[in-house]
Protein backbone atom coordinates (compact mmCIF):
# COMPACT_ATOMS: atom_id res chain seq x y z
CA PHE A 1 -11.66 -17.34 8.11
CA LEU A 2 -8.36 -15.97 7.74
CA SER A 3 -9.52 -14.93 4.21
CA LYS A 4 -10.48 -11.74 5.53
CA LEU A 5 -7.48 -12.11 7.79
CA LEU A 6 -5.08 -9.69 6.30
CA PRO A 7 -6.52 -7.99 3.34
CA TYR A 8 -4.54 -4.88 4.03
CA GLY A 9 -1.20 -5.57 2.44
CA PHE A 10 0.43 -7.66 5.17
CA HIS A 11 1.64 -11.24 4.64
CA ILE A 12 0.15 -13.93 6.80
CA GLY A 13 1.87 -17.06 5.76
CA PHE A 14 -0.93 -18.28 3.45
CA ASP A 15 0.07 -19.90 0.14
CA SER A 16 3.41 -20.77 1.73
CA ASP A 17 5.93 -23.55 1.04
CA ASN A 18 4.36 -25.41 3.92
CA SER A 19 0.84 -24.98 2.61
CA SER A 20 -1.13 -28.21 2.93
CA GLY A 21 -3.15 -27.57 -0.23
CA ASP A 22 -6.13 -29.33 1.38
CA PHE A 23 -8.50 -26.47 0.74
CA SER A 24 -9.17 -25.74 -2.90
CA GLU A 25 -11.60 -23.27 -4.32
CA ALA A 26 -12.09 -25.62 -7.22
CA ASN A 27 -14.37 -27.61 -4.94
CA HIS A 28 -16.56 -24.66 -4.23
CA LYS A 29 -19.11 -22.90 -6.32
CA VAL A 30 -18.08 -19.44 -7.43
CA PRO A 31 -20.92 -16.94 -7.04
CA GLU A 32 -22.19 -14.99 -10.03
CA MET A 33 -20.35 -11.84 -11.02
CA LEU A 34 -21.66 -8.45 -10.13
CA ASP A 35 -23.05 -6.20 -12.84
CA LEU A 36 -20.64 -3.50 -13.98
CA ASP A 37 -21.94 -0.27 -15.47
CA PRO A 38 -20.82 -0.52 -19.12
CA HIS A 39 -20.49 3.24 -19.26
CA GLN A 40 -17.86 3.05 -16.57
CA SER A 41 -15.72 0.35 -18.13
CA ASN A 42 -12.44 1.14 -19.87
CA ARG A 43 -13.14 4.69 -20.82
CA THR A 44 -9.97 4.87 -22.91
CA GLY A 45 -11.83 3.08 -25.71
CA LYS A 46 -9.05 0.51 -25.85
CA HIS A 47 -9.08 -3.21 -25.18
CA ASN A 48 -7.09 -4.65 -22.29
CA GLY A 49 -3.42 -4.52 -23.00
CA GLU A 50 -3.63 -1.39 -25.20
CA THR A 51 -3.01 2.09 -23.96
CA GLU A 52 -4.32 5.27 -25.57
CA ILE A 53 -1.86 8.12 -26.16
CA GLN A 54 -3.30 11.59 -25.52
CA GLU A 55 -2.50 14.59 -27.71
CA ASN A 56 0.10 15.77 -25.21
CA GLY A 57 2.00 12.51 -25.52
CA ILE A 58 1.10 11.25 -22.00
CA LYS A 59 -0.16 7.70 -21.73
CA ARG A 60 -3.71 7.42 -20.53
CA HIS A 61 -3.98 4.41 -18.20
CA ARG A 62 -7.06 2.25 -17.88
CA THR A 63 -9.88 3.35 -15.64
CA SER A 64 -11.41 -0.05 -14.87
CA LEU A 65 -10.54 -3.75 -14.54
CA PRO A 66 -11.38 -6.15 -17.37
CA ALA A 67 -13.99 -7.89 -15.13
CA PRO A 68 -15.74 -6.87 -11.93
CA MET A 69 -15.05 -8.62 -8.63
CA PHE A 70 -16.96 -11.68 -7.50
CA SER A 71 -19.33 -11.44 -4.56
CA ARG A 72 -17.90 -12.99 -1.40
CA SER A 73 -21.26 -13.04 0.43
CA ASP A 74 -22.06 -16.64 -0.55
CA PHE A 75 -19.03 -18.09 1.15
CA SER A 76 -19.47 -19.49 4.61
CA VAL A 77 -16.75 -18.59 7.07
CA TRP A 78 -17.38 -21.79 8.99
CA SER A 79 -16.95 -23.91 5.86
CA ILE A 80 -13.39 -22.63 5.74
CA LEU A 81 -12.71 -22.63 9.49
CA LYS A 82 -13.62 -26.26 10.06
CA LYS A 83 -11.00 -27.29 7.50
CA CYS A 84 -8.34 -25.34 9.41
CA ILE A 85 -8.79 -26.74 12.88
CA GLY A 86 -5.46 -27.83 14.31
CA LEU A 87 -3.39 -26.38 11.48
CA GLU A 88 -0.75 -23.74 11.83
CA LEU A 89 -1.43 -20.43 10.04
CA SER A 90 1.42 -21.17 7.62
CA LYS A 91 -0.33 -24.37 6.52
CA ILE A 92 -3.61 -22.79 5.43
CA THR A 93 -4.37 -22.22 1.79
CA MET A 94 -7.24 -19.77 1.34
CA PRO A 95 -9.69 -19.76 -1.52
CA ILE A 96 -8.80 -17.26 -4.20
CA VAL A 97 -12.18 -15.53 -4.00
CA PHE A 98 -10.93 -13.67 -0.90
CA ASN A 99 -7.99 -12.22 -2.80
CA GLU A 100 -7.72 -9.06 -4.84
CA PRO A 101 -6.02 -9.31 -8.27
CA LEU A 102 -2.75 -7.67 -7.13
CA SER A 103 0.46 -9.02 -5.64
CA PHE A 104 1.67 -7.56 -2.35
CA LEU A 105 4.57 -6.13 -4.32
CA GLN A 106 2.04 -4.10 -6.33
CA ARG A 107 0.33 -3.08 -3.12
CA ILE A 108 3.61 -1.64 -1.87
CA THR A 109 3.83 0.41 -5.11
CA GLU A 110 0.72 2.25 -3.96
CA TYR A 111 2.98 4.27 -1.69
CA MET A 112 3.72 6.25 -4.85
CA GLU A 113 0.13 7.29 -5.50
CA HIS A 114 0.72 10.62 -3.79
CA ILE A 115 4.22 11.20 -5.20
CA TYR A 116 3.32 14.91 -5.71
CA LEU A 117 4.06 15.22 -1.96
CA ILE A 118 7.68 14.07 -2.55
CA ASN A 119 7.92 16.57 -5.42
CA LYS A 120 6.59 19.24 -3.12
CA ALA A 121 9.19 18.36 -0.48
CA CYS A 122 11.93 18.60 -3.10
CA SER A 123 10.75 22.00 -4.22
CA HIS A 124 10.65 23.67 -0.76
CA ALA A 125 13.60 25.72 0.46
CA ASP A 126 12.36 25.72 4.04
CA PRO A 127 13.26 22.50 5.97
CA LEU A 128 10.02 22.77 8.01
CA GLU A 129 7.90 22.74 4.88
CA ARG A 130 9.92 19.83 3.56
CA MET A 131 9.18 17.83 6.74
CA GLN A 132 5.48 18.74 6.51
CA ALA A 133 5.34 17.31 3.01
CA VAL A 134 7.25 14.18 4.04
CA ALA A 135 4.88 13.70 6.96
CA ALA A 136 1.88 13.99 4.63
CA PHE A 137 3.48 11.46 2.28
CA ALA A 138 4.01 8.97 5.18
CA VAL A 139 0.31 9.28 6.08
CA SER A 140 -0.86 9.06 2.49
CA ALA A 141 1.05 5.77 2.05
CA VAL A 142 -1.49 3.91 4.21
CA ALA A 143 -4.60 5.73 2.92
CA SER A 144 -5.22 3.30 0.02
CA GLN A 145 -5.82 0.52 2.54
CA TRP A 146 -9.09 2.09 3.57
CA GLU A 147 -12.04 -0.23 2.80
CA ARG A 148 -9.87 -2.68 0.92
CA THR A 149 -11.34 -6.07 1.92
CA GLY A 150 -9.37 -8.25 -0.50
CA LYS A 151 -6.13 -9.97 0.45
CA PRO A 152 -3.28 -9.34 -2.02
CA PHE A 153 -1.51 -12.37 -3.36
CA ASN A 154 1.58 -13.39 -1.40
CA PRO A 155 4.57 -12.93 -3.69
CA LEU A 156 6.51 -15.99 -4.74
CA LEU A 157 10.15 -16.09 -3.78
CA GLY A 158 12.05 -14.12 -6.46
CA GLU A 159 8.89 -12.41 -7.75
CA THR A 160 9.42 -8.82 -8.91
CA TYR A 161 7.40 -5.81 -9.97
CA GLU A 162 8.51 -2.72 -11.86
CA LEU A 163 6.65 0.43 -12.64
CA THR A 164 7.85 3.40 -14.62
CA ARG A 165 5.52 6.44 -14.71
CA GLU A 166 7.04 9.21 -16.79
CA ASP A 167 3.96 11.34 -16.21
CA LEU A 168 4.55 11.19 -12.43
CA GLY A 169 8.33 11.27 -12.67
CA PHE A 170 9.48 8.05 -11.04
CA ARG A 171 10.40 4.42 -11.60
CA PHE A 172 10.01 1.64 -9.05
CA ILE A 173 11.31 -1.93 -8.59
CA SER A 174 10.50 -4.48 -5.86
CA GLU A 175 11.50 -8.06 -5.15
CA GLN A 176 10.36 -10.78 -2.80
CA VAL A 177 13.69 -11.45 -1.13
CA SER A 178 12.56 -13.98 1.51
CA HIS A 179 9.67 -16.40 1.86
CA HIS A 180 10.17 -17.51 5.49
CA PRO A 181 9.79 -14.97 6.92
CA PRO A 182 8.11 -13.12 4.01
CA ILE A 183 10.13 -9.95 3.23
CA SER A 184 9.49 -7.57 0.35
CA ALA A 185 12.16 -5.01 -0.62
CA PHE A 186 11.58 -1.97 -2.83
CA TYR A 187 13.50 0.86 -4.43
CA SER A 188 12.21 3.93 -6.31
CA GLU A 189 13.99 6.92 -7.82
CA GLY A 190 12.90 10.17 -9.41
CA LEU A 191 13.44 10.41 -13.17
CA ASN A 192 14.88 13.86 -12.58
CA ASN A 193 17.40 12.47 -10.07
CA ASP A 194 15.67 14.40 -7.28
CA PHE A 195 14.87 11.64 -4.78
CA ILE A 196 15.43 8.01 -3.80
CA PHE A 197 12.75 6.07 -1.85
CA HIS A 198 13.51 2.56 -0.53
CA GLY A 199 12.80 0.08 2.20
CA SER A 200 11.73 -3.41 3.21
CA ILE A 201 8.57 -4.67 4.85
CA TYR A 202 8.10 -7.73 7.06
CA PRO A 203 5.39 -7.26 9.71
CA LYS A 204 4.95 -9.43 12.80
CA LEU A 205 1.46 -10.85 13.02
CA LYS A 206 -0.61 -11.44 16.13
CA PHE A 207 -4.01 -13.18 16.21
CA TRP A 208 -6.28 -11.99 19.01
CA GLY A 209 -9.33 -14.16 18.29
CA LYS A 210 -11.53 -11.45 16.83
CA SER A 211 -8.81 -9.41 15.15
CA ILE A 212 -5.46 -9.66 13.48
CA GLU A 213 -2.73 -7.19 14.35
CA ALA A 214 0.25 -6.52 12.13
CA GLU A 215 3.13 -4.87 13.88
CA PRO A 216 5.33 -3.10 11.34
CA ARG A 217 8.96 -4.24 10.82
CA GLY A 218 11.47 -2.74 8.45
CA THR A 219 12.74 0.77 7.74
CA ILE A 220 11.37 3.17 5.12
CA THR A 221 13.89 5.71 3.81
CA LEU A 222 13.35 8.82 1.67
CA GLU A 223 16.35 10.76 0.39
CA LEU A 224 15.95 14.25 -1.07
CA LEU A 225 19.08 14.48 -3.18
CA LYS A 226 18.95 18.21 -3.94
CA HIS A 227 18.88 19.03 -0.23
CA ASN A 228 21.22 16.23 0.83
CA GLU A 229 18.57 15.05 3.33
CA ALA A 230 17.43 11.61 4.41
CA TYR A 231 14.20 10.75 6.32
CA THR A 232 13.42 7.45 7.94
CA TRP A 233 10.28 6.04 9.55
CA THR A 234 8.21 2.89 10.04
CA ASN A 235 4.54 2.43 9.37
CA PRO A 236 1.84 2.34 12.08
CA THR A 237 0.39 -0.90 13.38
CA CYS A 238 -2.52 -2.20 11.31
CA CYS A 239 -5.42 -4.09 12.88
CA VAL A 240 -8.27 -5.84 11.08
CA HIS A 241 -11.40 -6.33 13.21
CA ASN A 242 -14.33 -8.77 12.88
CA VAL A 243 -12.32 -11.42 11.07
CA ILE A 244 -14.85 -14.12 12.05
CA ILE A 245 -18.25 -12.47 12.37
CA GLY A 246 -19.49 -9.07 11.33
CA LYS A 247 -18.31 -6.42 8.86
CA LEU A 248 -14.59 -6.06 8.47
CA TRP A 249 -13.11 -2.78 9.52
CA LEU A 250 -9.59 -1.49 9.77
CA GLU A 251 -7.72 0.81 12.07
CA GLN A 252 -4.18 2.05 12.12
CA TYR A 253 -2.61 2.95 15.45
CA GLY A 254 0.73 3.62 17.07
CA THR A 255 3.44 6.23 16.97
CA VAL A 256 5.33 6.99 13.78
CA GLU A 257 8.56 8.97 14.14
CA ILE A 258 9.98 10.58 11.01
CA VAL A 259 13.60 11.63 11.53
CA ASN A 260 15.47 14.09 9.31
CA HIS A 261 19.00 12.78 9.71
CA SER A 262 20.55 15.92 8.30
CA THR A 263 18.89 18.65 10.45
CA GLY A 264 17.90 16.60 13.52
CA ASP A 265 14.25 17.68 13.07
CA LYS A 266 11.68 15.05 13.98
CA CYS A 267 7.95 14.57 13.25
CA VAL A 268 6.01 12.50 15.75
CA LEU A 269 2.64 11.28 14.46
CA ASN A 270 0.17 9.51 16.74
CA PHE A 271 -2.31 7.29 14.94
CA LYS A 272 -5.08 7.13 17.50
CA PRO A 273 -6.69 3.82 18.44
CA CYS A 274 -10.44 3.73 17.93
CA GLY A 275 -11.42 3.92 21.60
CA LEU A 276 -14.55 2.64 23.34
CA PHE A 277 -17.05 4.82 21.45
CA GLY A 278 -15.13 5.24 18.23
CA LYS A 279 -14.51 8.93 18.70
CA GLU A 280 -10.81 8.63 17.80
CA LEU A 281 -11.29 6.37 14.76
CA HIS A 282 -8.84 7.18 11.98
CA ARG A 283 -7.50 10.24 13.76
CA VAL A 284 -3.89 11.34 13.44
CA GLU A 285 -2.27 14.02 15.64
CA GLY A 286 1.32 15.00 15.99
CA TYR A 287 3.92 17.71 15.82
CA ILE A 288 7.26 18.64 14.25
CA GLN A 289 10.13 19.59 16.54
CA ASP A 290 13.62 20.83 15.85
CA LYS A 291 16.79 19.22 17.18
CA ASN A 292 16.42 21.21 20.45
CA ARG A 293 12.88 19.73 20.88
CA LYS A 294 11.16 22.99 20.23
CA LYS A 295 7.70 22.44 18.66
CA LEU A 296 7.54 24.08 15.24
CA CYS A 297 4.03 23.11 14.21
CA VAL A 298 1.13 20.76 15.02
CA ILE A 299 -0.31 18.27 12.57
CA TYR A 300 -3.85 16.90 12.76
CA GLY A 301 -6.43 15.10 10.63
CA LYS A 302 -7.47 11.59 9.58
CA TRP A 303 -5.49 9.11 7.54
CA THR A 304 -8.69 8.31 5.63
CA GLU A 305 -9.45 11.89 4.72
CA CYS A 306 -6.91 14.74 5.04
CA LEU A 307 -4.07 16.25 7.00
CA TRP A 308 -3.69 19.85 8.21
CA CYS A 309 -1.05 21.77 10.16
CA THR A 310 -1.04 24.89 12.30
CA ASP A 311 1.23 26.64 14.73
CA PRO A 312 1.41 25.21 18.34
CA THR A 313 -0.06 28.31 20.02
CA THR A 314 -3.15 28.35 17.81
CA TYR A 315 -3.64 24.64 18.35
CA GLU A 316 -3.36 24.86 22.13
CA THR A 317 -5.74 27.82 22.28
CA TYR A 318 -8.28 25.92 20.16
CA LYS A 319 -8.03 22.83 22.34
CA LYS A 320 -8.53 24.91 25.49
CA ASN A 321 -11.67 26.46 24.05
CA GLU A 322 -12.88 23.02 23.02
CA LYS A 323 -12.55 21.74 26.57
CA ARG A 324 -14.47 24.74 27.80
CA GLY A 325 -17.23 23.99 25.37
CA GLY A 326 -16.41 26.85 23.01
CA GLU A 327 -17.56 27.11 19.44
CA GLN A 328 -16.05 24.59 16.98
CA LYS A 329 -15.87 25.21 13.37
CA LYS A 330 -16.43 22.01 11.37
CA LEU A 331 -14.65 21.66 8.10
CA LYS A 332 -16.89 21.89 5.03
CA PRO A 333 -15.94 21.53 1.39
CA SER A 334 -16.61 25.18 0.75
CA GLU A 335 -14.68 27.70 -1.35
CA ASP A 336 -13.38 29.59 1.68
CA VAL A 337 -11.75 26.51 3.18
CA ILE A 338 -10.78 24.23 0.31
CA LYS A 339 -9.73 26.96 -2.08
CA SER A 340 -8.04 29.17 0.50
CA GLU A 341 -4.65 30.73 -0.09
CA ASN A 342 -3.16 28.20 2.30
CA ASP A 343 -4.55 25.26 0.27
CA GLU A 344 -1.61 24.17 -1.88
CA ALA A 345 -3.60 21.24 -3.40
CA ASP A 346 -6.09 23.12 -5.52
CA ASP A 347 -5.99 20.38 -8.14
CA MET A 348 -7.28 17.77 -5.66
CA PRO A 349 -10.96 16.73 -5.69
CA GLU A 350 -13.40 18.14 -3.13
CA VAL A 351 -14.63 15.59 -0.62
CA GLN A 352 -16.85 15.74 2.42
CA GLU A 353 -14.65 15.56 5.47
CA THR A 354 -15.31 15.10 9.20
CA VAL A 355 -12.10 16.64 10.53
CA GLN A 356 -12.61 19.65 12.75
CA PHE A 357 -10.94 22.57 11.07
CA ILE A 358 -8.84 24.99 13.10
CA PRO A 359 -8.92 28.46 11.49
CA GLY A 360 -5.62 29.40 9.93
CA SER A 361 -4.58 25.83 9.28
CA LYS A 362 -2.74 24.80 6.11
CA LEU A 363 -3.86 21.76 4.13
CA LEU A 364 -1.01 19.25 3.63
CA TRP A 365 -2.81 16.42 1.95
CA ARG A 366 -6.29 15.19 0.95
CA ILE A 367 -7.20 11.64 -0.10
CA ASN A 368 -8.03 11.14 -3.80
CA CYS A 369 -11.57 10.32 -4.77
CA ARG A 370 -11.98 6.77 -6.01
CA PRO A 371 -13.52 5.87 -9.39
CA PRO A 372 -17.34 5.72 -9.40
CA ASN A 373 -17.20 1.99 -9.95
CA SER A 374 -14.55 1.34 -7.31
CA SER A 375 -16.81 -0.79 -5.10
CA GLN A 376 -17.07 -3.30 -8.00
CA MET A 377 -13.30 -3.26 -8.43
CA TYR A 378 -12.13 -4.32 -4.95
CA ASN A 379 -12.30 -0.65 -3.74
CA PHE A 380 -9.23 0.14 -5.87
CA THR A 381 -8.12 3.71 -6.37
CA SER A 382 -7.49 4.92 -9.92
CA PHE A 383 -3.83 4.37 -9.36
CA ALA A 384 -4.34 0.76 -8.13
CA VAL A 385 -6.51 -0.02 -11.15
CA SER A 386 -3.58 0.64 -13.45
CA LEU A 387 -0.96 -1.41 -11.59
CA ASN A 388 -1.61 -4.77 -13.26
CA GLU A 389 -2.18 -3.31 -16.73
CA LEU A 390 -0.24 -5.24 -19.34
CA GLU A 391 0.40 -2.92 -22.25
CA LYS A 392 1.07 -4.11 -25.77
CA GLY A 393 4.73 -5.06 -26.16
CA MET A 394 5.44 -4.94 -22.45
CA GLU A 395 6.05 -8.71 -22.11
CA ALA A 396 9.15 -8.41 -24.33
CA ILE A 397 10.88 -6.01 -21.90
CA LEU A 398 9.60 -7.13 -18.48
CA ALA A 399 11.57 -9.46 -16.25
CA PRO A 400 10.06 -12.97 -16.49
CA THR A 401 9.43 -12.74 -12.72
CA ASP A 402 7.20 -9.62 -12.94
CA CYS A 403 3.77 -9.80 -11.21
CA ARG A 404 1.95 -8.87 -14.38
CA LEU A 405 2.97 -12.22 -15.83
CA ARG A 406 1.54 -14.30 -12.93
CA PRO A 407 -1.20 -16.44 -14.46
CA ASP A 408 -3.29 -16.72 -11.29
CA ILE A 409 -3.52 -12.95 -10.84
CA ARG A 410 -4.05 -12.34 -14.56
CA ASN A 411 -6.88 -14.89 -14.73
CA MET A 412 -8.53 -13.52 -11.60
CA GLU A 413 -8.41 -9.99 -13.02
CA ASN A 414 -10.07 -11.28 -16.20
CA GLY A 415 -12.81 -13.03 -14.19
CA ASN A 416 -11.62 -16.60 -14.84
CA MET A 417 -11.79 -17.69 -11.24
CA ASP A 418 -11.60 -21.49 -11.74
CA VAL A 419 -8.52 -21.14 -13.88
CA ALA A 420 -6.99 -18.64 -11.47
CA SER A 421 -7.49 -21.04 -8.56
CA LYS A 422 -5.85 -23.95 -10.39
CA GLU A 423 -2.93 -21.71 -11.40
CA LYS A 424 -2.49 -20.51 -7.87
CA GLU A 425 -2.24 -24.10 -6.62
CA ARG A 426 0.16 -25.00 -9.45
CA LEU A 427 2.48 -22.06 -8.59
CA GLU A 428 2.45 -22.93 -4.89
CA GLU A 429 3.33 -26.57 -5.68
CA LYS A 430 6.06 -25.44 -8.03
CA GLN A 431 7.52 -23.21 -5.33
CA ARG A 432 7.46 -26.07 -2.78
CA ALA A 433 9.13 -28.42 -5.25
CA ALA A 434 11.87 -25.83 -5.99
CA ARG A 435 12.51 -25.36 -2.25
CA LYS A 436 12.85 -29.12 -1.73
CA GLU A 437 15.20 -29.41 -4.70
CA ARG A 438 17.43 -26.62 -3.26
CA ALA A 439 17.47 -28.31 0.14
CA LYS A 440 18.36 -31.66 -1.43
CA ASP A 441 21.27 -30.15 -3.35
CA GLU A 442 22.19 -27.89 -0.47
CA VAL A 443 21.88 -24.85 -2.69
CA GLU A 444 21.20 -21.49 -1.08
CA TRP A 445 18.73 -19.07 -2.60
CA HIS A 446 20.26 -15.85 -3.91
CA THR A 447 18.32 -12.68 -4.42
CA ARG A 448 18.70 -10.94 -7.77
CA TRP A 449 18.22 -7.21 -7.30
CA PHE A 450 18.59 -6.58 -3.54
CA HIS A 451 21.10 -7.60 -0.92
CA GLN A 452 21.06 -7.63 2.84
CA GLY A 453 23.04 -4.84 4.44
CA THR A 454 22.85 -1.95 6.92
CA ASN A 455 20.75 1.17 6.51
CA PRO A 456 23.29 3.98 6.37
CA TYR A 457 21.15 6.35 8.44
CA THR A 458 19.67 4.10 11.18
CA GLY A 459 22.48 1.53 11.45
CA THR A 460 19.84 -1.26 11.46
CA SER A 461 19.61 -4.27 9.17
CA ASP A 462 17.98 -3.45 5.87
CA TRP A 463 17.60 -4.73 2.28
CA LEU A 464 19.41 -2.48 -0.19
CA TYR A 465 19.06 -2.19 -3.92
CA SER A 466 21.97 -3.74 -5.77
CA GLY A 467 21.31 -1.82 -9.00
CA GLY A 468 21.27 -2.98 -12.57
CA TYR A 469 17.61 -3.86 -12.99
CA PHE A 470 16.91 -1.33 -15.63
CA ASP A 471 19.82 -2.55 -17.72
CA ARG A 472 17.39 -5.35 -18.50
CA ASN A 473 19.72 -8.30 -18.32
CA PHE A 474 17.29 -10.95 -17.15
CA SER A 475 19.20 -13.99 -18.32
CA ASP A 476 19.71 -15.38 -14.83
CA CYS A 477 16.20 -14.72 -13.45
CA PRO A 478 14.53 -17.78 -11.87
CA ASP A 479 11.67 -19.64 -13.53
CA ILE A 480 8.89 -19.12 -10.95
CA TYR A 481 5.78 -19.13 -13.11
């Protein structure tokens, strides 16, 4: 049941210190693996753990996982449900087959997939254009969740993940700073000292019988250092439908307010709920206003496809014509729309879209096409496929708490499901034993790379980066694996 429960990057208390451990995948038959097109696998020509260097000196990351995902269709929801009757959500251990081979800390890192939008914001002299780019980045951050039906592994307390991408111009560090409640903190900075991006995530979960709703908690902050600007926002509410019967589907809804604390400008984005007939599914509409509440532009699109902006007068005129039954121009992936002078993302792939195009609009963002074999790789994007890549020599410099070193995730990625399941149970038991030992000795847990403090822009409680991670002094890191 709650396998499917929160596959979209939100913790749900599974695999917790209180986990009963009664349900083990080792007692269940693992279905046969899906066939993977050999022509699509690891196009770099290197084995797992090796990375090809291109002529221009840029690392070429892997394009597929070592093994395709297992089919989940042979697993009975009821066979899981009946073992969970009367248990609290925090005491349910789910079979590993419903996971995807990434930690939630790695899932957070997928915010950086569209980092070109931060770079674009840094390059603009006009504060309105900077806000447009930041708004597009905030929407793009949830786009990778589309069609992801695997639940990321809950991070162990003290688990970390680092990612340095010289080709994309950033480095990133995250840490699981709390287990009850589960809180993940992250910090990223531009390699050119042009931005800082940080925050913490701890959603509040609600179970409605047929769906699971995750209400976002925690502040996300983006600082553009060149412009001395700081933007803050929270993510929309995420809801997973048909968790018991039927095909899983996901919607994001709620209002996201992005505040520029330097200029007073604000972007209000409304993620529309699906509605009775599904007409509003995935839609995003909003506007940017200045400190005097004057609307400067209107933003519209879908978080699963693309985002456009236009001036308020044009938008209102279009909407009035639409109500009167006037002609509507539907967006097509044609040269005159996608390659227009207003399209600042000419390097992005062409995709078929269903967003109604308003003539004169400017494209802010378009979702990346996924690899052709993505459906056999947990619907990962190309960026996600590379996140758990363990390059040769990397173990010597990584913190011993890094997700890439987790044996359950590594074995699952390699297709060793029985070993992965046993390792997952071992790590959970080790975490429970460590918690009991600390309680016995009355020792408090201390985070390593983040500390609890106050967000300097919102005045609310936040987890702040303490610094020092990239000095690589890992002598006092906990033994969690």
